[in-house]
Amino acid sequence: MSRRTAREHIFKIIFQTEFYKEEEIDEAIDIYKENIENANEADMKFIKNEIKGIMENKRVIDDTINRYAEGWEVSRIAKVDLAVLRLAIYEILYADDIPNKVAINEAVELTKTFSSEKAPSFINGVLGRIVSNSL
C-alpha cells in the first residue's frame, strides 16, 4: 500500500472520530482498521502510529489550527477539512521522517478528492503559514 493510500485511511478514520462519543472512538477505529484491505504489517504500523499521534496531540494541533487559520476556529471548519488539517499538522509538527512539503502536498490532494472546490487553497494557506512560522 502506498503512503498516499495509507494517509487516505488515516484521514477517513480521523474524520469518523468526529461523530463518536469519546468512549466509542477506540472501538470505531478498530472496526475500520479490520476492514482495510491489502495492508501489510508496516502499513498498519504507520496507520496506527499516525492515528495515535494525532489523537494524543489533538489539543496542540487544534490550537495550531486556531492560531493559523485566519478568521476561522476549529468549531467552524468543515469536518473534512479539519480531519485533513489534523493529519497534515501532526506530520509537520511531529513526524520528522516526513518532509513538510510532502505533508502539505498530500493534504491538498486529499482535500481535492474529498472537500469543496475552494478548500485546497484554504488548506494550503493554513499549512503554509504554519511551516513558514516554524522555520
N, C-alpha and C. Protein backbone atom coordinates (compact mmCIF):
# COMPACT_ATOMS: atom_id res chain seq x y z
N MET A 1 0.85 -1.17 0.00
CA MET A 1 0.00 0.00 0.00
C MET A 1 0.90 1.23 0.00
N SER A 2 0.55 2.21 -0.80
CA SER A 2 1.33 3.44 -0.85
C SER A 2 1.05 4.29 0.39
N ARG A 3 1.96 5.19 0.68
CA ARG A 3 1.74 6.12 1.80
C ARG A 3 0.50 6.98 1.55
N ARG A 4 0.27 7.33 0.29
CA ARG A 4 -0.91 8.14 -0.05
C ARG A 4 -2.19 7.38 0.32
N THR A 5 -2.24 6.11 0.00
CA THR A 5 -3.41 5.29 0.34
C THR A 5 -3.53 5.15 1.85
N ALA A 6 -2.41 4.95 2.53
CA ALA A 6 -2.43 4.86 3.99
C ALA A 6 -2.96 6.17 4.59
N ARG A 7 -2.51 7.31 4.06
CA ARG A 7 -2.99 8.61 4.56
C ARG A 7 -4.50 8.76 4.32
N GLU A 8 -4.98 8.24 3.22
CA GLU A 8 -6.41 8.31 2.95
C GLU A 8 -7.18 7.55 4.03
N HIS A 9 -6.67 6.39 4.42
CA HIS A 9 -7.32 5.63 5.50
C HIS A 9 -7.23 6.40 6.83
N ILE A 10 -6.09 6.99 7.11
CA ILE A 10 -5.94 7.77 8.33
C ILE A 10 -6.93 8.92 8.34
N PHE A 11 -7.01 9.64 7.22
CA PHE A 11 -7.95 10.74 7.09
C PHE A 11 -9.38 10.26 7.38
N LYS A 12 -9.78 9.16 6.80
CA LYS A 12 -11.14 8.65 6.98
C LYS A 12 -11.40 8.28 8.44
N ILE A 13 -10.42 7.70 9.09
CA ILE A 13 -10.59 7.33 10.50
C ILE A 13 -10.70 8.59 11.36
N ILE A 14 -9.82 9.55 11.13
CA ILE A 14 -9.87 10.80 11.90
C ILE A 14 -11.20 11.52 11.65
N PHE A 15 -11.64 11.53 10.41
CA PHE A 15 -12.94 12.13 10.09
C PHE A 15 -14.06 11.46 10.88
N GLN A 16 -14.06 10.14 10.91
CA GLN A 16 -15.11 9.39 11.60
C GLN A 16 -15.14 9.68 13.10
N THR A 17 -13.99 9.95 13.69
CA THR A 17 -13.96 10.18 15.15
C THR A 17 -14.77 11.40 15.56
N GLU A 18 -15.03 12.30 14.62
CA GLU A 18 -15.83 13.49 14.92
C GLU A 18 -17.28 13.15 15.24
N PHE A 19 -17.72 11.96 14.89
CA PHE A 19 -19.12 11.59 15.02
C PHE A 19 -19.38 10.56 16.12
N TYR A 20 -18.36 10.29 16.93
CA TYR A 20 -18.50 9.33 18.03
C TYR A 20 -18.26 10.01 19.36
N LYS A 21 -18.86 9.45 20.38
CA LYS A 21 -18.55 9.88 21.73
C LYS A 21 -17.14 9.41 22.04
N GLU A 22 -16.47 10.11 22.93
CA GLU A 22 -15.07 9.79 23.23
C GLU A 22 -14.87 8.32 23.61
N GLU A 23 -15.79 7.76 24.38
CA GLU A 23 -15.64 6.38 24.82
C GLU A 23 -15.89 5.37 23.69
N GLU A 24 -16.41 5.79 22.56
CA GLU A 24 -16.69 4.90 21.43
C GLU A 24 -15.61 4.96 20.35
N ILE A 25 -14.69 5.90 20.46
CA ILE A 25 -13.72 6.13 19.39
C ILE A 25 -12.81 4.93 19.16
N ASP A 26 -12.26 4.35 20.22
CA ASP A 26 -11.34 3.21 20.04
C ASP A 26 -12.01 2.06 19.31
N GLU A 27 -13.24 1.76 19.67
CA GLU A 27 -13.96 0.67 19.02
C GLU A 27 -14.22 0.99 17.54
N ALA A 28 -14.59 2.22 17.25
CA ALA A 28 -14.84 2.62 15.86
C ALA A 28 -13.57 2.50 15.02
N ILE A 29 -12.46 2.91 15.60
CA ILE A 29 -11.17 2.81 14.90
C ILE A 29 -10.83 1.35 14.64
N ASP A 30 -10.99 0.51 15.64
CA ASP A 30 -10.68 -0.92 15.48
C ASP A 30 -11.52 -1.56 14.38
N ILE A 31 -12.79 -1.22 14.33
CA ILE A 31 -13.68 -1.78 13.30
C ILE A 31 -13.21 -1.33 11.92
N TYR A 32 -12.88 -0.06 11.78
CA TYR A 32 -12.41 0.43 10.48
C TYR A 32 -11.11 -0.28 10.08
N LYS A 33 -10.17 -0.39 11.01
CA LYS A 33 -8.87 -0.99 10.69
C LYS A 33 -9.01 -2.45 10.26
N GLU A 34 -9.99 -3.15 10.81
CA GLU A 34 -10.21 -4.55 10.43
C GLU A 34 -10.61 -4.68 8.96
N ASN A 35 -11.16 -3.63 8.39
CA ASN A 35 -11.66 -3.68 7.02
C ASN A 35 -10.71 -3.08 5.99
N ILE A 36 -9.50 -2.75 6.40
CA ILE A 36 -8.52 -2.23 5.44
C ILE A 36 -7.92 -3.41 4.69
N GLU A 37 -8.07 -3.38 3.38
CA GLU A 37 -7.56 -4.46 2.54
C GLU A 37 -6.16 -4.13 2.04
N ASN A 38 -5.40 -5.15 1.75
CA ASN A 38 -4.06 -5.04 1.16
C ASN A 38 -3.09 -4.26 2.03
N ALA A 39 -3.28 -4.31 3.34
CA ALA A 39 -2.36 -3.62 4.25
C ALA A 39 -1.45 -4.66 4.90
N ASN A 40 -0.15 -4.43 4.77
CA ASN A 40 0.78 -5.32 5.44
C ASN A 40 1.10 -4.79 6.83
N GLU A 41 1.98 -5.45 7.53
CA GLU A 41 2.29 -5.07 8.91
C GLU A 41 2.87 -3.65 8.99
N ALA A 42 3.72 -3.29 8.04
CA ALA A 42 4.31 -1.95 8.03
C ALA A 42 3.26 -0.88 7.78
N ASP A 43 2.33 -1.17 6.87
CA ASP A 43 1.24 -0.23 6.60
C ASP A 43 0.41 0.01 7.86
N MET A 44 0.04 -1.07 8.52
CA MET A 44 -0.79 -0.95 9.72
C MET A 44 -0.04 -0.23 10.84
N LYS A 45 1.25 -0.46 10.94
CA LYS A 45 2.04 0.23 11.96
C LYS A 45 2.04 1.74 11.68
N PHE A 46 2.24 2.12 10.43
CA PHE A 46 2.20 3.54 10.06
C PHE A 46 0.84 4.14 10.38
N ILE A 47 -0.23 3.47 9.98
CA ILE A 47 -1.59 3.97 10.20
C ILE A 47 -1.86 4.11 11.70
N LYS A 48 -1.54 3.08 12.47
CA LYS A 48 -1.79 3.12 13.92
C LYS A 48 -0.98 4.22 14.59
N ASN A 49 0.30 4.35 14.22
CA ASN A 49 1.14 5.38 14.84
C ASN A 49 0.64 6.78 14.53
N GLU A 50 0.23 7.01 13.29
CA GLU A 50 -0.28 8.33 12.92
C GLU A 50 -1.57 8.65 13.67
N ILE A 51 -2.48 7.71 13.73
CA ILE A 51 -3.75 7.95 14.43
C ILE A 51 -3.49 8.20 15.91
N LYS A 52 -2.66 7.36 16.50
CA LYS A 52 -2.33 7.53 17.92
C LYS A 52 -1.71 8.91 18.16
N GLY A 53 -0.78 9.30 17.31
CA GLY A 53 -0.13 10.60 17.46
C GLY A 53 -1.10 11.76 17.31
N ILE A 54 -1.98 11.66 16.35
CA ILE A 54 -2.98 12.72 16.13
C ILE A 54 -3.90 12.82 17.35
N MET A 55 -4.38 11.69 17.82
CA MET A 55 -5.31 11.71 18.96
C MET A 55 -4.62 12.22 20.23
N GLU A 56 -3.38 11.82 20.46
CA GLU A 56 -2.66 12.25 21.65
C GLU A 56 -2.30 13.73 21.62
N ASN A 57 -2.14 14.28 20.44
CA ASN A 57 -1.72 15.67 20.29
C ASN A 57 -2.83 16.57 19.76
N LYS A 58 -4.05 16.10 19.85
CA LYS A 58 -5.19 16.82 19.27
C LYS A 58 -5.32 18.25 19.80
N ARG A 59 -5.10 18.45 21.08
CA ARG A 59 -5.23 19.79 21.66
C ARG A 59 -4.20 20.74 21.06
N VAL A 60 -2.96 20.31 20.96
CA VAL A 60 -1.91 21.16 20.38
C VAL A 60 -2.19 21.41 18.91
N ILE A 61 -2.62 20.38 18.20
CA ILE A 61 -2.95 20.51 16.78
C ILE A 61 -4.09 21.50 16.58
N ASP A 62 -5.14 21.36 17.39
CA ASP A 62 -6.28 22.27 17.27
C ASP A 62 -5.91 23.70 17.64
N ASP A 63 -5.05 23.86 18.65
CA ASP A 63 -4.56 25.21 19.00
C ASP A 63 -3.78 25.81 17.83
N THR A 64 -3.02 24.98 17.15
CA THR A 64 -2.26 25.43 15.98
C THR A 64 -3.21 25.86 14.87
N ILE A 65 -4.25 25.10 14.64
CA ILE A 65 -5.25 25.47 13.64
C ILE A 65 -5.88 26.81 14.00
N ASN A 66 -6.29 26.96 15.23
CA ASN A 66 -6.92 28.21 15.67
C ASN A 66 -5.98 29.40 15.49
N ARG A 67 -4.69 29.19 15.68
CA ARG A 67 -3.71 30.27 15.56
C ARG A 67 -3.46 30.66 14.10
N TYR A 68 -3.44 29.69 13.18
CA TYR A 68 -3.01 29.96 11.81
C TYR A 68 -4.13 29.99 10.77
N ALA A 69 -5.32 29.54 11.12
CA ALA A 69 -6.44 29.59 10.18
C ALA A 69 -7.13 30.94 10.37
N GLU A 70 -6.59 31.94 9.75
CA GLU A 70 -7.03 33.32 9.94
C GLU A 70 -8.53 33.47 9.72
N GLY A 71 -9.21 33.96 10.75
CA GLY A 71 -10.66 34.17 10.66
C GLY A 71 -11.49 32.92 10.88
N TRP A 72 -10.85 31.81 11.22
CA TRP A 72 -11.55 30.54 11.41
C TRP A 72 -11.15 29.93 12.75
N GLU A 73 -12.06 29.21 13.34
CA GLU A 73 -11.79 28.42 14.53
C GLU A 73 -12.14 26.97 14.22
N VAL A 74 -11.56 26.07 14.97
CA VAL A 74 -11.80 24.64 14.76
C VAL A 74 -13.29 24.33 14.68
N SER A 75 -14.07 24.95 15.53
CA SER A 75 -15.50 24.65 15.59
C SER A 75 -16.25 25.06 14.33
N ARG A 76 -15.68 25.95 13.51
CA ARG A 76 -16.35 26.43 12.29
C ARG A 76 -15.84 25.78 11.01
N ILE A 77 -14.75 25.04 11.11
CA ILE A 77 -14.14 24.43 9.92
C ILE A 77 -14.88 23.14 9.57
N ALA A 78 -15.12 22.93 8.29
CA ALA A 78 -15.80 21.71 7.83
C ALA A 78 -15.04 20.49 8.35
N LYS A 79 -15.78 19.48 8.76
CA LYS A 79 -15.18 18.28 9.37
C LYS A 79 -14.17 17.61 8.44
N VAL A 80 -14.44 17.61 7.15
CA VAL A 80 -13.49 17.03 6.18
C VAL A 80 -12.18 17.80 6.22
N ASP A 81 -12.26 19.12 6.15
CA ASP A 81 -11.06 19.96 6.15
C ASP A 81 -10.33 19.86 7.48
N LEU A 82 -11.08 19.74 8.55
CA LEU A 82 -10.47 19.61 9.88
C LEU A 82 -9.67 18.31 9.99
N ALA A 83 -10.21 17.23 9.47
CA ALA A 83 -9.50 15.95 9.50
C ALA A 83 -8.21 16.03 8.68
N VAL A 84 -8.28 16.67 7.53
CA VAL A 84 -7.09 16.84 6.69
C VAL A 84 -6.05 17.69 7.42
N LEU A 85 -6.49 18.80 8.00
CA LEU A 85 -5.56 19.67 8.72
C LEU A 85 -4.92 18.95 9.90
N ARG A 86 -5.69 18.20 10.65
CA ARG A 86 -5.12 17.48 11.79
C ARG A 86 -4.04 16.50 11.35
N LEU A 87 -4.30 15.78 10.29
CA LEU A 87 -3.31 14.83 9.77
C LEU A 87 -2.04 15.56 9.32
N ALA A 88 -2.20 16.59 8.52
CA ALA A 88 -1.03 17.31 7.99
C ALA A 88 -0.25 18.02 9.10
N ILE A 89 -0.94 18.65 10.01
CA ILE A 89 -0.25 19.37 11.09
C ILE A 89 0.48 18.39 11.99
N TYR A 90 -0.12 17.23 12.24
CA TYR A 90 0.59 16.20 13.00
C TYR A 90 1.91 15.85 12.30
N GLU A 91 1.85 15.64 11.00
CA GLU A 91 3.06 15.27 10.27
C GLU A 91 4.08 16.40 10.27
N ILE A 92 3.63 17.64 10.16
CA ILE A 92 4.54 18.79 10.15
C ILE A 92 5.21 18.95 11.52
N LEU A 93 4.44 18.84 12.58
CA LEU A 93 4.98 19.08 13.91
C LEU A 93 5.70 17.89 14.54
N TYR A 94 5.27 16.67 14.22
CA TYR A 94 5.75 15.51 14.97
C TYR A 94 6.43 14.41 14.15
N ALA A 95 6.22 14.36 12.85
CA ALA A 95 6.77 13.27 12.04
C ALA A 95 8.04 13.75 11.34
N ASP A 96 9.16 13.59 11.99
CA ASP A 96 10.43 14.09 11.46
C ASP A 96 10.85 13.41 10.16
N ASP A 97 10.34 12.22 9.89
CA ASP A 97 10.72 11.50 8.68
C ASP A 97 9.90 11.90 7.46
N ILE A 98 8.92 12.80 7.65
CA ILE A 98 8.07 13.24 6.54
C ILE A 98 8.36 14.71 6.26
N PRO A 99 8.90 15.03 5.09
CA PRO A 99 9.17 16.43 4.77
C PRO A 99 7.89 17.26 4.78
N ASN A 100 7.99 18.51 5.21
CA ASN A 100 6.82 19.39 5.27
C ASN A 100 6.12 19.51 3.93
N LYS A 101 6.90 19.61 2.84
CA LYS A 101 6.27 19.77 1.54
C LYS A 101 5.46 18.53 1.15
N VAL A 102 5.87 17.36 1.61
CA VAL A 102 5.11 16.14 1.35
C VAL A 102 3.81 16.17 2.14
N ALA A 103 3.88 16.55 3.41
CA ALA A 103 2.68 16.64 4.25
C ALA A 103 1.68 17.61 3.64
N ILE A 104 2.17 18.75 3.18
CA ILE A 104 1.28 19.76 2.58
C ILE A 104 0.69 19.25 1.28
N ASN A 105 1.51 18.69 0.41
CA ASN A 105 1.02 18.18 -0.87
C ASN A 105 -0.03 17.09 -0.68
N GLU A 106 0.24 16.16 0.22
CA GLU A 106 -0.72 15.09 0.47
C GLU A 106 -2.03 15.65 1.01
N ALA A 107 -1.95 16.66 1.88
CA ALA A 107 -3.15 17.28 2.43
C ALA A 107 -3.97 17.95 1.33
N VAL A 108 -3.30 18.66 0.47
CA VAL A 108 -4.01 19.32 -0.63
C VAL A 108 -4.67 18.29 -1.55
N GLU A 109 -3.97 17.21 -1.84
CA GLU A 109 -4.55 16.17 -2.70
C GLU A 109 -5.76 15.51 -2.05
N LEU A 110 -5.69 15.23 -0.74
CA LEU A 110 -6.85 14.68 -0.04
C LEU A 110 -8.03 15.64 -0.11
N THR A 111 -7.73 16.92 0.06
CA THR A 111 -8.78 17.94 0.04
C THR A 111 -9.42 18.03 -1.35
N LYS A 112 -8.61 17.94 -2.40
CA LYS A 112 -9.17 17.96 -3.75
C LYS A 112 -10.14 16.80 -3.97
N THR A 113 -9.85 15.67 -3.37
CA THR A 113 -10.69 14.48 -3.54
C THR A 113 -11.95 14.53 -2.70
N PHE A 114 -11.84 15.00 -1.46
CA PHE A 114 -12.94 14.83 -0.51
C PHE A 114 -13.66 16.12 -0.09
N SER A 115 -13.18 17.28 -0.49
CA SER A 115 -13.78 18.51 0.01
C SER A 115 -14.28 19.40 -1.13
N SER A 116 -14.57 20.63 -0.80
CA SER A 116 -15.12 21.57 -1.76
C SER A 116 -14.05 22.14 -2.69
N GLU A 117 -14.48 22.85 -3.68
CA GLU A 117 -13.58 23.41 -4.69
C GLU A 117 -12.60 24.42 -4.11
N LYS A 118 -13.04 25.21 -3.14
CA LYS A 118 -12.19 26.24 -2.56
C LYS A 118 -11.32 25.74 -1.42
N ALA A 119 -11.60 24.57 -0.91
CA ALA A 119 -10.89 24.05 0.26
C ALA A 119 -9.38 23.84 0.05
N PRO A 120 -8.92 23.35 -1.11
CA PRO A 120 -7.48 23.14 -1.26
C PRO A 120 -6.65 24.41 -1.01
N SER A 121 -7.12 25.55 -1.48
CA SER A 121 -6.36 26.78 -1.26
C SER A 121 -6.38 27.18 0.22
N PHE A 122 -7.48 26.94 0.90
CA PHE A 122 -7.56 27.20 2.34
C PHE A 122 -6.56 26.32 3.09
N ILE A 123 -6.58 25.03 2.81
CA ILE A 123 -5.68 24.07 3.46
C ILE A 123 -4.22 24.45 3.18
N ASN A 124 -3.91 24.72 1.93
CA ASN A 124 -2.55 25.10 1.54
C ASN A 124 -2.11 26.37 2.27
N GLY A 125 -3.00 27.34 2.38
CA GLY A 125 -2.67 28.59 3.05
C GLY A 125 -2.38 28.41 4.53
N VAL A 126 -3.23 27.64 5.21
CA VAL A 126 -3.04 27.40 6.64
C VAL A 126 -1.72 26.66 6.88
N LEU A 127 -1.51 25.59 6.13
CA LEU A 127 -0.29 24.81 6.30
C LEU A 127 0.96 25.60 5.94
N GLY A 128 0.86 26.43 4.89
CA GLY A 128 1.98 27.27 4.51
C GLY A 128 2.36 28.25 5.61
N ARG A 129 1.35 28.84 6.26
CA ARG A 129 1.63 29.76 7.37
C ARG A 129 2.30 29.04 8.53
N ILE A 130 1.85 27.83 8.81
CA ILE A 130 2.44 27.06 9.91
C ILE A 130 3.91 26.77 9.62
N VAL A 131 4.18 26.29 8.42
CA VAL A 131 5.56 25.95 8.07
C VAL A 131 6.44 27.19 8.05
N SER A 132 5.97 28.28 7.47
CA SER A 132 6.82 29.48 7.38
C SER A 132 7.07 30.09 8.75
N ASN A 133 6.16 29.90 9.70
CA ASN A 133 6.35 30.45 11.04
C ASN A 133 7.11 29.51 11.97
N SER A 134 7.29 28.25 11.57
CA SER A 134 8.01 27.31 12.42
C SER A 134 9.46 27.13 12.00
N LEU A 135 9.88 27.82 10.95
CA LEU A 135 11.28 27.69 10.49
C LEU A 135 12.23 28.48 11.34
